[in-house]
Amino acid sequence: MKKYEIEPYKDHTDPDSFAREEAYLRAKKKLDKLVGFYWHLAVYVIINIFLIILIGVNLDRGDQFWSFGTFATALFWGIGLAFHFLSVFGPGFIFGKNWEDRKIKEYMDKDRTDMRRFE
């Protein structure tokens, strides 16, 4: 099975066909990254629930369930998962799509009101 099944150009003279194919390839690449992240997340949840239950069931008398060792795998794997999340969704997920533009406008508006105060 081919990874990307793209239909050949119907009209080789159509200048938009190359742009459409490039857009499709970019979208497919993003989708593959997204699917990879969701699989990573699913495996993380399933394996860590299993490990935590396994550790809890096999505790000796006097051992503490709420200790660092019980959740160490989930913690460190979670850090890796967070980096995977940032690589897929990017910093734009945290700051928003137009965060930079909004901040510039906010600072310009503040500067304008400060300047009007001294007129």
Protein backbone atom coordinates (compact mmCIF):
# COMPACT_ATOMS: atom_id res chain seq x y z
CA MET A 1 0.00 0.00 0.00
CA LYS A 2 1.34 3.41 -0.93
CA LYS A 3 1.75 5.97 1.82
CA TYR A 4 0.39 8.79 -0.32
CA GLU A 5 -2.05 8.02 -3.05
CA ILE A 6 -2.12 11.09 -5.26
CA GLU A 7 -3.91 11.14 -8.53
CA PRO A 8 -1.75 12.18 -11.48
CA TYR A 9 -2.24 15.53 -13.07
CA LYS A 10 -5.33 15.63 -15.22
CA ASP A 11 -4.10 18.63 -17.11
CA HIS A 12 -0.35 19.17 -17.24
CA THR A 13 -0.84 22.77 -18.32
CA ASP A 14 -2.91 23.68 -15.27
CA PRO A 15 -0.62 25.80 -13.04
CA ASP A 16 -2.78 25.16 -9.96
CA SER A 17 -2.37 21.38 -10.05
CA PHE A 18 1.18 21.51 -8.67
CA ALA A 19 0.11 23.89 -5.89
CA ARG A 20 -2.82 21.61 -5.01
CA GLU A 21 -0.53 18.60 -4.87
CA GLU A 22 1.94 20.45 -2.63
CA ALA A 23 -0.91 21.55 -0.35
CA TYR A 24 -2.18 17.98 -0.20
CA LEU A 25 1.28 16.65 0.71
CA ARG A 26 1.69 19.26 3.47
CA ALA A 27 -1.77 18.45 4.86
CA LYS A 28 -1.08 14.71 4.71
CA LYS A 29 2.24 15.20 6.53
CA LYS A 30 0.50 17.22 9.28
CA LEU A 31 -2.18 14.55 9.57
CA ASP A 32 0.46 11.83 9.91
CA LYS A 33 2.11 13.80 12.73
CA LEU A 34 -1.26 14.25 14.44
CA VAL A 35 -2.12 10.56 14.18
CA GLY A 36 1.34 9.70 15.52
CA PHE A 37 0.79 11.95 18.52
CA TYR A 38 -2.63 10.44 19.28
CA TRP A 39 -1.15 6.92 19.12
CA HIS A 40 1.65 8.04 21.44
CA LEU A 41 -0.92 9.48 23.85
CA ALA A 42 -3.05 6.31 23.78
CA VAL A 43 -0.05 4.06 24.43
CA TYR A 44 1.10 6.40 27.22
CA VAL A 45 -2.26 6.23 29.00
CA ILE A 46 -2.73 2.47 28.62
CA ILE A 47 0.82 1.48 29.61
CA ASN A 48 1.02 3.87 32.56
CA ILE A 49 -2.36 2.80 33.96
CA PHE A 50 -1.18 -0.80 33.67
CA LEU A 51 2.15 -0.04 35.36
CA ILE A 52 0.59 1.94 38.21
CA ILE A 53 -1.96 -0.81 38.87
CA LEU A 54 0.78 -3.44 38.71
CA ILE A 55 2.94 -1.52 41.16
CA GLY A 56 -0.03 -0.96 43.47
CA VAL A 57 -0.99 -4.62 43.49
CA ASN A 58 2.56 -5.80 44.18
CA LEU A 59 3.35 -3.46 47.06
CA ASP A 60 4.83 -5.08 50.14
CA ARG A 61 3.51 -4.28 53.59
CA GLY A 62 4.76 -0.91 54.71
CA ASP A 63 5.53 0.35 51.18
CA GLN A 64 3.89 3.58 50.17
CA PHE A 65 1.74 3.74 47.03
CA TRP A 66 2.05 7.54 46.80
CA SER A 67 5.79 7.62 46.24
CA PHE A 68 7.97 8.95 43.45
CA GLY A 69 8.84 5.46 42.22
CA THR A 70 5.22 4.63 41.51
CA PHE A 71 4.75 7.54 39.15
CA ALA A 72 8.31 8.09 37.85
CA THR A 73 7.70 6.38 34.50
CA ALA A 74 4.52 8.37 33.92
CA LEU A 75 6.27 11.61 34.87
CA PHE A 76 9.31 11.24 32.63
CA TRP A 77 7.36 9.74 29.75
CA GLY A 78 4.87 12.59 30.19
CA ILE A 79 7.67 15.11 29.72
CA GLY A 80 8.56 13.40 26.44
CA LEU A 81 4.90 13.38 25.47
CA ALA A 82 4.70 17.11 26.17
CA PHE A 83 7.60 17.73 23.79
CA HIS A 84 5.89 15.55 21.19
CA PHE A 85 2.72 17.63 21.68
CA LEU A 86 4.68 20.85 21.12
CA SER A 87 6.32 19.44 18.00
CA VAL A 88 2.93 18.56 16.51
CA PHE A 89 0.82 21.53 17.59
CA GLY A 90 3.61 24.07 17.91
CA PRO A 91 3.89 27.05 20.19
CA GLY A 92 0.93 28.59 18.36
CA PHE A 93 -1.31 26.28 20.37
CA ILE A 94 -0.26 27.97 23.59
CA PHE A 95 -0.08 31.56 22.39
CA GLY A 96 -2.81 31.40 19.77
CA LYS A 97 -2.67 32.09 16.09
CA ASN A 98 -2.59 35.88 16.23
CA TRP A 99 -0.98 36.30 19.63
CA GLU A 100 1.93 38.35 18.35
CA ASP A 101 -0.32 40.71 16.38
CA ARG A 102 -2.63 41.18 19.36
CA LYS A 103 0.27 41.96 21.69
CA ILE A 104 1.73 44.51 19.25
CA LYS A 105 -1.69 46.17 18.93
CA GLU A 106 -2.08 46.14 22.73
CA TYR A 107 1.30 47.81 23.27
CA MET A 108 0.64 50.38 20.52
CA ASP A 109 -2.76 51.23 22.04
CA LYS A 110 -1.20 51.58 25.48
CA ASP A 111 1.53 53.79 24.07
CA ARG A 112 -1.08 55.93 22.27
CA THR A 113 -3.10 56.42 25.47
CA ASP A 114 0.08 57.30 27.37
CA MET A 115 1.02 59.87 24.74
CA ARG A 116 -2.48 61.43 24.81
CA ARG A 117 -2.20 61.85 28.54
CA PHE A 118 0.66 64.30 28.04
CA GLU A 119 -0.98 66.39 25.30
